[in-house]
C-alpha atoms as a PDB file:
ATOM      1  CA  MET A   1     237.059  97.368 216.131  1.00  0.00           C
ATOM      2  CA  ALA A   2     237.067  98.106 212.396  1.00  0.00           C
ATOM      3  CA  SER A   3     237.621 101.721 211.405  1.00  0.00           C
ATOM      4  CA  PHE A   4     237.163 103.531 208.134  1.00  0.00           C
ATOM      5  CA  VAL A   5     238.874 106.415 206.397  1.00  0.00           C
ATOM      6  CA  TYR A   6     236.563 108.297 204.089  1.00  0.00           C
ATOM      7  CA  ILE A   7     236.496 111.163 201.640  1.00  0.00           C
ATOM      8  CA  LEU A   8     233.348 113.202 201.216  1.00  0.00           C
ATOM      9  CA  GLY A   9     232.580 115.561 198.364  1.00  0.00           C
ATOM     10  CA  SER A  10     230.183 118.465 198.013  1.00  0.00           C
ATOM     11  CA  ARG A  11     229.238 121.093 195.453  1.00  0.00           C
ATOM     12  CA  GLY A  12     228.064 124.438 196.704  1.00  0.00           C
ATOM     13  CA  LYS A  13     228.249 128.208 196.361  1.00  0.00           C
ATOM     14  CA  GLY A  14     231.974 128.173 197.016  1.00  0.00           C
ATOM     15  CA  GLY A  15     232.618 125.429 194.456  1.00  0.00           C
ATOM     16  CA  ALA A  16     233.401 121.760 194.942  1.00  0.00           C
ATOM     17  CA  ARG A  17     235.047 120.680 198.198  1.00  0.00           C
ATOM     18  CA  SER A  18     236.325 117.510 199.785  1.00  0.00           C
ATOM     19  CA  TYR A  19     236.632 116.403 203.386  1.00  0.00           C
ATOM     20  CA  VAL A  20     238.736 113.558 204.792  1.00  0.00           C
ATOM     21  CA  GLY A  21     237.934 111.862 208.084  1.00  0.00           C
ATOM     22  CA  TRP A  22     237.836 108.556 209.939  1.00  0.00           C
ATOM     23  CA  THR A  23     235.069 106.756 211.791  1.00  0.00           C
ATOM     24  CA  THR A  24     233.859 103.393 213.035  1.00  0.00           C
ATOM     25  CA  ASP A  25     230.414 103.830 211.418  1.00  0.00           C
ATOM     26  CA  LEU A  26     230.303 105.318 207.914  1.00  0.00           C
ATOM     27  CA  ASP A  27     226.523 105.621 207.626  1.00  0.00           C
ATOM     28  CA  ASN A  28     226.087 107.442 210.928  1.00  0.00           C
ATOM     29  CA  ARG A  29     229.038 109.731 210.243  1.00  0.00           C
ATOM     30  CA  LEU A  30     227.708 110.757 206.824  1.00  0.00           C
ATOM     31  CA  ARG A  31     224.296 111.457 208.383  1.00  0.00           C
ATOM     32  CA  ALA A  32     225.984 113.600 211.046  1.00  0.00           C
ATOM     33  CA  HIS A  33     227.877 115.637 208.451  1.00  0.00           C
ATOM     34  CA  ASN A  34     224.709 116.220 206.417  1.00  0.00           C
ATOM     35  CA  ALA A  35     222.714 117.117 209.539  1.00  0.00           C
ATOM     36  CA  GLY A  36     225.257 119.802 210.475  1.00  0.00           C
ATOM     37  CA  THR A  37     226.487 117.945 213.561  1.00  0.00           C
ATOM     38  CA  GLY A  38     229.715 116.641 212.030  1.00  0.00           C
ATOM     39  CA  ALA A  39     232.929 118.622 211.750  1.00  0.00           C
ATOM     40  CA  ARG A  40     232.542 122.405 211.746  1.00  0.00           C
ATOM     41  CA  SER A  41     234.042 122.696 208.255  1.00  0.00           C
ATOM     42  CA  THR A  42     231.332 120.438 206.792  1.00  0.00           C
ATOM     43  CA  ARG A  43     228.307 122.372 208.046  1.00  0.00           C
ATOM     44  CA  GLY A  44     225.906 123.952 205.591  1.00  0.00           C
ATOM     45  CA  ARG A  45     226.609 121.562 202.721  1.00  0.00           C
ATOM     46  CA  GLN A  46     225.202 118.292 201.446  1.00  0.00           C
ATOM     47  CA  TRP A  47     227.949 115.696 201.313  1.00  0.00           C
ATOM     48  CA  ARG A  48     228.244 112.397 199.522  1.00  0.00           C
ATOM     49  CA  LEU A  49     230.656 109.575 200.100  1.00  0.00           C
ATOM     50  CA  LEU A  50     233.286 109.490 197.362  1.00  0.00           C
ATOM     51  CA  TYR A  51     235.776 106.997 198.759  1.00  0.00           C
ATOM     52  CA  ALA A  52     236.323 104.754 201.778  1.00  0.00           C
ATOM     53  CA  GLU A  53     238.922 102.297 203.051  1.00  0.00           C
ATOM     54  CA  ARG A  54     238.511  99.822 205.914  1.00  0.00           C
ATOM     55  CA  TYR A  55     241.181  99.218 208.551  1.00  0.00           C
ATOM     56  CA  ILE A  56     241.486  96.758 211.402  1.00  0.00           C
ATOM     57  CA  ASN A  57     242.111  99.397 214.036  1.00  0.00           C
ATOM     58  CA  ARG A  58     241.815 103.094 214.744  1.00  0.00           C
ATOM     59  CA  GLY A  59     245.539 103.814 214.604  1.00  0.00           C
ATOM     60  CA  GLU A  60     245.891 102.560 211.034  1.00  0.00           C
ATOM     61  CA  ALA A  61     242.822 104.537 209.955  1.00  0.00           C
ATOM     62  CA  MET A  62     244.120 107.722 211.562  1.00  0.00           C
ATOM     63  CA  SER A  63     247.503 107.294 209.895  1.00  0.00           C
ATOM     64  CA  ARG A  64     245.893 106.830 206.486  1.00  0.00           C
ATOM     65  CA  GLU A  65     243.662 109.857 207.105  1.00  0.00           C
ATOM     66  CA  TRP A  66     246.776 111.969 207.703  1.00  0.00           C
ATOM     67  CA  HIS A  67     248.217 110.851 204.363  1.00  0.00           C
ATOM     68  CA  LEU A  68     244.990 111.347 202.413  1.00  0.00           C
ATOM     69  CA  LYS A  69     244.609 114.880 203.754  1.00  0.00           C
ATOM     70  CA  ARG A  70     247.928 115.710 202.131  1.00  0.00           C
ATOM     71  CA  ASP A  71     247.204 113.939 198.816  1.00  0.00           C
ATOM     72  CA  ARG A  72     245.552 116.822 196.992  1.00  0.00           C
ATOM     73  CA  ARG A  73     245.948 115.185 193.578  1.00  0.00           C
ATOM     74  CA  PHE A  74     243.838 112.185 194.628  1.00  0.00           C
ATOM     75  CA  ARG A  75     241.207 114.405 196.253  1.00  0.00           C
ATOM     76  CA  LYS A  76     240.988 116.620 193.147  1.00  0.00           C
ATOM     77  CA  MET A  77     240.488 113.526 190.996  1.00  0.00           C
ATOM     78  CA  LEU A  78     237.547 112.476 193.188  1.00  0.00           C
ATOM     79  CA  ILE A  79     236.058 115.987 193.117  1.00  0.00           C
ATOM     80  CA  ALA A  80     236.291 115.969 189.317  1.00  0.00           C
ATOM     81  CA  GLN A  81     233.947 112.967 189.377  1.00  0.00           C
ATOM     82  CA  ILE A  82     231.299 115.069 191.157  1.00  0.00           C
ATOM     83  CA  ILE A  83     231.601 117.766 188.533  1.00  0.00           C
ATOM     84  CA  ASP A  84     231.443 115.181 185.716  1.00  0.00           C
ATOM     85  CA  ASP A  85     228.361 113.579 187.330  1.00  0.00           C
ATOM     86  CA  ARG A  86     226.622 116.969 187.372  1.00  0.00           C
ATOM     87  CA  ASP A  87     227.374 117.488 183.675  1.00  0.00           C
ATOM     88  CA  THR A  88     225.831 114.124 182.739  1.00  0.00           C
ATOM     89  CA  GLN A  89     222.609 114.694 184.690  1.00  0.00           C
END
């Protein structure tokens, strides 16, 4: 079954944040995060999908998730896009 690694971004009272996870259904997972039923650390914020990669199996997706969680430079670059989008609106 195909799996996805994704990065979500959110702006809020505490500033901009990112979240990295994996799933087999991106749309349902994003809805869960925004409904407050996703991961505990994502509750209370509105999230948007910033980035996603597709993998053939769960193991590959989980491995990539581990690496993306440690790639702060890449995550900060994606968060900067949220801030830039706000400035252009």
